[in-house]
Structure formats: structure tokens, C-alpha cells
Amino acid sequence: MIVTIDPQGELRQPDLHDGTVQGLELQAGNGLRVALRDVAGQAYRLQLKGVRRLLCNDFREGNIILSLSIASRMPPDRGLLRRLLGGTKDEDRLVAEAAQAIAEGRLALVAIDPSYGCELTALCESAEIEAA
């Protein structure tokens, strides 16, 4: 299976725009498996390993994907990092450290932006997508 991520970190292949988030499964060792389906019905798994932070809101019937991004070895969206790491006196330091780790490829920032339903943001050691 060919996986293509553009220079801004957006997943282009497989095309999951208007696909759906089918489910989330927490796994041993701080893992998370996200079940996805494209508009043609093909099933995929997004496997996150070494999850450090996870924010998942509005899981509903439908959960239509607008976009999915995986940032690693590139400057991350600091707004997403602040949502994950903010709210403490150490916010600036935590965001700066995470941004550096992502830019160096030691961590990945994963985001599912919805048209409707499930919005997911995760900071993890690695992220892989595969056909189910």
C-alpha cells in the first residue's frame, strides 16, 4: 500500500477525506489503534505507538474526516501542541520541547480534523497507517 504525506503533513494517499472514524482501541504499551474507512468502504488502521498525550472529542455516529495529518521531521502546528500540553505553568517549555522532538523526528503529532464528529489530536513516538 502506498502512503503519501504532503510537505505540510497532510495524508494524501490513501484518500480519507469524507471517510469515517469507525472506532478507537487503546492498546498495551501506550498504543492506540484507530479504525478508519474511506468513502469506497476500504478499511484502514492508524496505529499510534508510544502515545504521550491524547485528546479525542465529539465521537459520534458518523465521524466524518475532513483531513488527517501526521507531522514528524517538520515544524508542527504549535496551536495543536498547546491544546494537548497547555494549561500548566510549564506550557511554554513543554510545547517548545515537543516541537523540537517532532521537528527532529523523535515524536509525531497526529491530527484528525472532522467535517462532523470525532476530533483527535495525539503526540506519540510513531504513527503508521495500513490497510485492514
N, C-alpha and C. Protein backbone atom coordinates (compact mmCIF):
# COMPACT_ATOMS: atom_id res chain seq x y z
N MET A 1 0.84 -1.18 0.00
CA MET A 1 0.00 0.00 0.00
C MET A 1 0.89 1.24 0.00
N ILE A 2 0.54 2.20 -0.81
CA ILE A 2 1.29 3.45 -0.89
C ILE A 2 0.68 4.46 0.07
N VAL A 3 1.54 5.04 0.91
CA VAL A 3 1.12 6.11 1.82
C VAL A 3 1.86 7.37 1.40
N THR A 4 1.11 8.45 1.16
CA THR A 4 1.70 9.72 0.75
C THR A 4 1.27 10.81 1.72
N ILE A 5 2.27 11.50 2.26
CA ILE A 5 2.01 12.64 3.14
C ILE A 5 2.66 13.85 2.49
N ASP A 6 1.90 14.93 2.32
CA ASP A 6 2.43 16.11 1.64
C ASP A 6 3.39 16.89 2.56
N PRO A 7 4.09 17.90 2.04
CA PRO A 7 5.07 18.64 2.84
C PRO A 7 4.50 19.33 4.08
N GLN A 8 3.18 19.53 4.13
CA GLN A 8 2.55 20.13 5.31
C GLN A 8 2.08 19.09 6.31
N GLY A 9 2.31 17.81 6.01
CA GLY A 9 1.94 16.73 6.91
C GLY A 9 0.58 16.12 6.65
N GLU A 10 -0.15 16.59 5.63
CA GLU A 10 -1.49 16.06 5.34
C GLU A 10 -1.39 14.73 4.59
N LEU A 11 -2.17 13.76 5.06
CA LEU A 11 -2.25 12.47 4.39
C LEU A 11 -2.99 12.64 3.07
N ARG A 12 -2.34 12.26 1.97
CA ARG A 12 -2.96 12.37 0.64
C ARG A 12 -3.34 11.00 0.08
N GLN A 13 -2.56 9.99 0.44
CA GLN A 13 -2.81 8.63 -0.04
C GLN A 13 -2.59 7.67 1.10
N PRO A 14 -3.53 6.88 1.52
CA PRO A 14 -4.87 6.76 0.96
C PRO A 14 -5.70 8.02 1.22
N ASP A 15 -6.67 8.25 0.36
CA ASP A 15 -7.53 9.43 0.47
C ASP A 15 -8.65 9.14 1.47
N LEU A 16 -8.55 9.74 2.65
CA LEU A 16 -9.56 9.52 3.68
C LEU A 16 -10.50 10.70 3.85
N HIS A 17 -10.37 11.71 2.98
CA HIS A 17 -11.30 12.84 3.01
C HIS A 17 -12.72 12.31 2.80
N ASP A 18 -13.63 12.70 3.67
CA ASP A 18 -15.03 12.24 3.70
C ASP A 18 -15.18 10.78 4.10
N GLY A 19 -14.07 10.13 4.50
CA GLY A 19 -14.16 8.81 5.11
C GLY A 19 -14.62 8.96 6.55
N THR A 20 -14.56 7.88 7.31
CA THR A 20 -15.06 7.92 8.68
C THR A 20 -14.09 7.29 9.67
N VAL A 21 -14.17 7.77 10.91
CA VAL A 21 -13.51 7.13 12.04
C VAL A 21 -14.52 6.11 12.56
N GLN A 22 -14.13 4.84 12.54
CA GLN A 22 -15.02 3.76 12.93
C GLN A 22 -14.91 3.38 14.40
N GLY A 23 -13.71 3.57 14.97
CA GLY A 23 -13.53 3.19 16.36
C GLY A 23 -12.13 3.47 16.84
N LEU A 24 -11.98 3.44 18.16
CA LEU A 24 -10.70 3.65 18.83
C LEU A 24 -10.48 2.49 19.78
N GLU A 25 -9.25 1.97 19.81
CA GLU A 25 -8.92 0.88 20.71
C GLU A 25 -7.60 1.19 21.40
N LEU A 26 -7.66 1.37 22.73
CA LEU A 26 -6.44 1.55 23.49
C LEU A 26 -5.72 0.21 23.57
N GLN A 27 -4.39 0.25 23.46
CA GLN A 27 -3.60 -0.97 23.47
C GLN A 27 -2.51 -0.90 24.52
N ALA A 28 -2.01 -2.04 24.91
CA ALA A 28 -0.94 -2.11 25.90
C ALA A 28 0.27 -1.33 25.41
N GLY A 29 1.06 -0.82 26.34
CA GLY A 29 2.26 -0.09 25.98
C GLY A 29 1.98 1.29 25.43
N ASN A 30 0.89 1.92 25.88
CA ASN A 30 0.53 3.26 25.43
C ASN A 30 0.27 3.34 23.93
N GLY A 31 -0.40 2.34 23.41
CA GLY A 31 -0.75 2.32 22.00
C GLY A 31 -2.21 2.68 21.77
N LEU A 32 -2.50 3.10 20.56
CA LEU A 32 -3.87 3.39 20.16
C LEU A 32 -4.04 2.95 18.71
N ARG A 33 -5.11 2.19 18.46
CA ARG A 33 -5.46 1.80 17.10
C ARG A 33 -6.75 2.52 16.74
N VAL A 34 -6.70 3.24 15.61
CA VAL A 34 -7.87 3.97 15.12
C VAL A 34 -8.35 3.27 13.85
N ALA A 35 -9.59 2.80 13.88
CA ALA A 35 -10.18 2.15 12.72
C ALA A 35 -10.79 3.22 11.83
N LEU A 36 -10.42 3.20 10.55
CA LEU A 36 -10.86 4.19 9.57
C LEU A 36 -11.47 3.50 8.36
N ARG A 37 -12.30 4.22 7.62
CA ARG A 37 -12.87 3.68 6.39
C ARG A 37 -12.98 4.83 5.39
N ASP A 38 -12.56 4.58 4.14
CA ASP A 38 -12.68 5.61 3.11
C ASP A 38 -14.08 5.58 2.50
N VAL A 39 -14.37 6.53 1.60
CA VAL A 39 -15.73 6.63 1.04
C VAL A 39 -16.11 5.42 0.20
N ALA A 40 -15.12 4.68 -0.30
CA ALA A 40 -15.40 3.48 -1.09
C ALA A 40 -15.63 2.26 -0.21
N GLY A 41 -15.40 2.41 1.11
CA GLY A 41 -15.64 1.30 2.02
C GLY A 41 -14.38 0.54 2.44
N GLN A 42 -13.21 0.90 1.89
CA GLN A 42 -11.96 0.24 2.25
C GLN A 42 -11.61 0.58 3.70
N ALA A 43 -11.25 -0.43 4.47
CA ALA A 43 -10.89 -0.24 5.88
C ALA A 43 -9.38 -0.03 6.03
N TYR A 44 -9.02 0.83 6.98
CA TYR A 44 -7.61 1.12 7.30
C TYR A 44 -7.45 1.16 8.81
N ARG A 45 -6.21 0.98 9.24
CA ARG A 45 -5.86 1.13 10.64
C ARG A 45 -4.77 2.18 10.77
N LEU A 46 -4.99 3.12 11.66
CA LEU A 46 -3.97 4.09 12.03
C LEU A 46 -3.44 3.63 13.38
N GLN A 47 -2.18 3.22 13.41
CA GLN A 47 -1.57 2.67 14.62
C GLN A 47 -0.63 3.70 15.23
N LEU A 48 -0.95 4.14 16.44
CA LEU A 48 -0.10 5.08 17.16
C LEU A 48 0.61 4.31 18.27
N LYS A 49 1.93 4.45 18.32
CA LYS A 49 2.72 3.78 19.35
C LYS A 49 3.37 4.81 20.25
N GLY A 50 3.51 4.45 21.52
CA GLY A 50 4.15 5.35 22.47
C GLY A 50 3.40 6.65 22.64
N VAL A 51 2.08 6.56 22.82
CA VAL A 51 1.26 7.77 22.94
C VAL A 51 1.62 8.50 24.24
N ARG A 52 2.00 9.76 24.08
CA ARG A 52 2.35 10.61 25.23
C ARG A 52 1.17 11.43 25.71
N ARG A 53 0.42 11.97 24.76
CA ARG A 53 -0.79 12.74 25.07
C ARG A 53 -1.84 12.43 24.00
N LEU A 54 -3.10 12.41 24.44
CA LEU A 54 -4.20 12.13 23.53
C LEU A 54 -5.39 12.98 23.92
N LEU A 55 -6.00 13.60 22.92
CA LEU A 55 -7.23 14.36 23.11
C LEU A 55 -8.19 13.93 22.01
N CYS A 56 -9.33 13.41 22.41
CA CYS A 56 -10.33 12.95 21.44
C CYS A 56 -11.69 13.46 21.91
N ASN A 57 -12.31 14.28 21.09
CA ASN A 57 -13.60 14.89 21.43
C ASN A 57 -14.65 14.59 20.37
N ASP A 58 -15.90 14.63 20.79
CA ASP A 58 -17.07 14.57 19.91
C ASP A 58 -17.18 13.29 19.10
N PHE A 59 -16.80 12.16 19.68
CA PHE A 59 -17.00 10.89 18.98
C PHE A 59 -18.51 10.65 18.89
N ARG A 60 -19.01 10.53 17.66
CA ARG A 60 -20.45 10.43 17.42
C ARG A 60 -20.74 9.42 16.32
N GLU A 61 -22.00 9.23 16.06
CA GLU A 61 -22.38 8.44 14.90
C GLU A 61 -22.01 9.26 13.67
N GLY A 62 -21.26 8.70 12.77
CA GLY A 62 -20.82 9.42 11.57
C GLY A 62 -19.34 9.66 11.55
N ASN A 63 -18.83 10.58 12.35
CA ASN A 63 -17.39 10.85 12.48
C ASN A 63 -16.70 11.00 11.12
N ILE A 64 -17.13 11.98 10.37
CA ILE A 64 -16.64 12.18 9.00
C ILE A 64 -15.32 12.96 9.04
N ILE A 65 -14.33 12.44 8.32
CA ILE A 65 -12.98 13.01 8.29
C ILE A 65 -12.89 14.11 7.24
N LEU A 66 -12.45 15.28 7.67
CA LEU A 66 -12.10 16.35 6.73
C LEU A 66 -10.65 16.15 6.29
N SER A 67 -9.75 15.98 7.26
CA SER A 67 -8.34 15.74 6.93
C SER A 67 -7.67 14.98 8.06
N LEU A 68 -6.57 14.34 7.71
CA LEU A 68 -5.74 13.62 8.67
C LEU A 68 -4.31 14.06 8.40
N SER A 69 -3.61 14.47 9.46
CA SER A 69 -2.22 14.90 9.28
C SER A 69 -1.32 14.18 10.27
N ILE A 70 -0.10 13.95 9.82
CA ILE A 70 0.95 13.33 10.63
C ILE A 70 2.20 14.18 10.45
N ALA A 71 2.58 14.90 11.50
CA ALA A 71 3.76 15.76 11.44
C ALA A 71 4.91 15.10 12.18
N SER A 72 6.00 14.87 11.47
CA SER A 72 7.25 14.38 12.05
C SER A 72 8.35 14.79 11.08
N ARG A 73 9.47 15.22 11.62
CA ARG A 73 10.57 15.74 10.82
C ARG A 73 10.17 17.02 10.07
N MET A 74 9.29 17.80 10.71
CA MET A 74 8.86 19.09 10.17
C MET A 74 8.37 19.94 11.33
N PRO A 75 8.32 21.25 11.17
CA PRO A 75 7.79 22.09 12.24
C PRO A 75 6.30 21.78 12.45
N PRO A 76 5.89 21.50 13.69
CA PRO A 76 4.50 21.16 13.94
C PRO A 76 3.62 22.40 14.14
N ASP A 77 2.33 22.17 14.13
CA ASP A 77 1.35 23.20 14.44
C ASP A 77 1.37 23.42 15.96
N ARG A 78 1.91 24.55 16.38
CA ARG A 78 2.02 24.81 17.83
C ARG A 78 0.67 25.00 18.49
N GLY A 79 -0.34 25.40 17.73
CA GLY A 79 -1.69 25.50 18.29
C GLY A 79 -2.21 24.14 18.74
N LEU A 80 -1.96 23.11 17.92
CA LEU A 80 -2.34 21.75 18.32
C LEU A 80 -1.58 21.30 19.55
N LEU A 81 -0.29 21.63 19.59
CA LEU A 81 0.51 21.26 20.76
C LEU A 81 0.00 21.95 22.03
N ARG A 82 -0.39 23.19 21.92
CA ARG A 82 -0.91 23.91 23.09
C ARG A 82 -2.21 23.28 23.60
N ARG A 83 -3.05 22.81 22.66
CA ARG A 83 -4.28 22.12 23.10
C ARG A 83 -3.95 20.86 23.89
N LEU A 84 -2.90 20.16 23.47
CA LEU A 84 -2.51 18.92 24.15
C LEU A 84 -1.76 19.17 25.45
N LEU A 85 -0.87 20.16 25.45
CA LEU A 85 0.09 20.33 26.55
C LEU A 85 -0.18 21.56 27.41
N GLY A 86 -1.16 22.36 27.03
CA GLY A 86 -1.40 23.63 27.70
C GLY A 86 -2.11 23.50 29.03
N GLY A 87 -2.26 24.66 29.65
CA GLY A 87 -3.00 24.72 30.89
C GLY A 87 -2.16 24.57 32.15
N THR A 88 -0.84 24.56 31.99
CA THR A 88 0.03 24.49 33.17
C THR A 88 1.04 25.62 33.11
N LYS A 89 1.71 25.85 34.21
CA LYS A 89 2.75 26.89 34.24
C LYS A 89 3.94 26.52 33.35
N ASP A 90 4.08 25.24 33.02
CA ASP A 90 5.18 24.78 32.17
C ASP A 90 4.82 24.69 30.70
N GLU A 91 3.68 25.26 30.32
CA GLU A 91 3.18 25.13 28.95
C GLU A 91 4.20 25.54 27.90
N ASP A 92 4.81 26.69 28.04
CA ASP A 92 5.75 27.17 27.01
C ASP A 92 6.92 26.21 26.85
N ARG A 93 7.47 25.73 27.96
CA ARG A 93 8.60 24.80 27.90
C ARG A 93 8.17 23.47 27.27
N LEU A 94 7.02 22.94 27.69
CA LEU A 94 6.54 21.66 27.16
C LEU A 94 6.28 21.74 25.66
N VAL A 95 5.66 22.82 25.21
CA VAL A 95 5.38 23.00 23.78
C VAL A 95 6.69 23.11 23.00
N ALA A 96 7.65 23.88 23.50
CA ALA A 96 8.93 24.04 22.82
C ALA A 96 9.67 22.70 22.73
N GLU A 97 9.68 21.93 23.81
CA GLU A 97 10.37 20.63 23.81
C GLU A 97 9.69 19.65 22.85
N ALA A 98 8.37 19.61 22.86
CA ALA A 98 7.65 18.72 21.95
C ALA A 98 7.86 19.14 20.50
N ALA A 99 7.82 20.44 20.22
CA ALA A 99 8.03 20.93 18.85
C ALA A 99 9.41 20.53 18.34
N GLN A 100 10.41 20.63 19.19
CA GLN A 100 11.77 20.23 18.79
C GLN A 100 11.84 18.73 18.53
N ALA A 101 11.23 17.93 19.40
CA ALA A 101 11.23 16.47 19.22
C ALA A 101 10.52 16.07 17.93
N ILE A 102 9.44 16.76 17.59
CA ILE A 102 8.72 16.47 16.34
C ILE A 102 9.58 16.86 15.15
N ALA A 103 10.16 18.05 15.19
CA ALA A 103 11.00 18.51 14.07
C ALA A 103 12.19 17.59 13.85
N GLU A 104 12.71 17.00 14.93
CA GLU A 104 13.86 16.08 14.83
C GLU A 104 13.43 14.65 14.49
N GLY A 105 12.13 14.37 14.47
CA GLY A 105 11.65 13.04 14.13
C GLY A 105 11.58 12.07 15.29
N ARG A 106 11.76 12.56 16.51
CA ARG A 106 11.67 11.68 17.68
C ARG A 106 10.24 11.46 18.13
N LEU A 107 9.34 12.37 17.77
CA LEU A 107 7.92 12.25 18.07
C LEU A 107 7.11 12.63 16.83
N ALA A 108 5.83 12.27 16.86
CA ALA A 108 4.90 12.64 15.78
C ALA A 108 3.67 13.30 16.38
N LEU A 109 3.13 14.27 15.67
CA LEU A 109 1.89 14.92 16.05
C LEU A 109 0.84 14.50 15.02
N VAL A 110 -0.20 13.83 15.49
CA VAL A 110 -1.25 13.30 14.62
C VAL A 110 -2.55 14.06 14.89
N ALA A 111 -3.23 14.44 13.82
CA ALA A 111 -4.50 15.16 13.98
C ALA A 111 -5.52 14.67 12.96
N ILE A 112 -6.70 14.37 13.46
CA ILE A 112 -7.85 14.12 12.59
C ILE A 112 -8.79 15.30 12.79
N ASP A 113 -8.97 16.07 11.72
CA ASP A 113 -9.91 17.19 11.74
C ASP A 113 -11.20 16.71 11.10
N PRO A 114 -12.31 16.88 11.79
CA PRO A 114 -13.57 16.35 11.27
C PRO A 114 -14.38 17.35 10.47
N SER A 115 -15.17 16.83 9.56
CA SER A 115 -16.28 17.59 9.00
C SER A 115 -17.43 17.50 10.00
N TYR A 116 -17.50 16.37 10.66
CA TYR A 116 -18.52 16.11 11.67
C TYR A 116 -18.00 15.04 12.61
N GLY A 117 -18.12 15.25 13.91
CA GLY A 117 -17.82 14.20 14.87
C GLY A 117 -16.40 14.21 15.39
N CYS A 118 -15.76 13.07 15.40
CA CYS A 118 -14.51 12.81 16.10
C CYS A 118 -13.36 13.72 15.68
N GLU A 119 -12.88 14.48 16.67
CA GLU A 119 -11.68 15.30 16.50
C GLU A 119 -10.61 14.68 17.38
N LEU A 120 -9.48 14.29 16.79
CA LEU A 120 -8.43 13.59 17.53
C LEU A 120 -7.10 14.30 17.33
N THR A 121 -6.38 14.49 18.43
CA THR A 121 -5.03 15.03 18.41
C THR A 121 -4.18 14.17 19.32
N ALA A 122 -3.02 13.72 18.84
CA ALA A 122 -2.16 12.85 19.64
C ALA A 122 -0.70 13.20 19.43
N LEU A 123 0.06 13.08 20.51
CA LEU A 123 1.51 13.19 20.47
C LEU A 123 2.03 11.80 20.78
N CYS A 124 2.81 11.23 19.85
CA CYS A 124 3.24 9.84 20.01
C CYS A 124 4.64 9.63 19.43
N GLU A 125 5.18 8.44 19.69
CA GLU A 125 6.52 8.11 19.18
C GLU A 125 6.48 7.77 17.70
N SER A 126 5.40 7.12 17.24
CA SER A 126 5.29 6.80 15.82
C SER A 126 3.83 6.62 15.42
N ALA A 127 3.58 6.82 14.13
CA ALA A 127 2.24 6.66 13.57
C ALA A 127 2.37 5.98 12.21
N GLU A 128 1.58 4.93 12.03
CA GLU A 128 1.58 4.19 10.75
C GLU A 128 0.16 3.94 10.34
N ILE A 129 -0.07 3.97 9.04
CA ILE A 129 -1.39 3.65 8.50
C ILE A 129 -1.24 2.46 7.58
N GLU A 130 -2.20 1.54 7.67
CA GLU A 130 -2.16 0.33 6.85
C GLU A 130 -3.57 -0.10 6.49
N ALA A 131 -3.69 -0.86 5.41
CA ALA A 131 -4.98 -1.41 5.04
C ALA A 131 -5.36 -2.47 6.08
N ALA A 132 -6.64 -2.53 6.40
CA ALA A 132 -7.12 -3.50 7.40
C ALA A 132 -7.56 -4.79 6.74
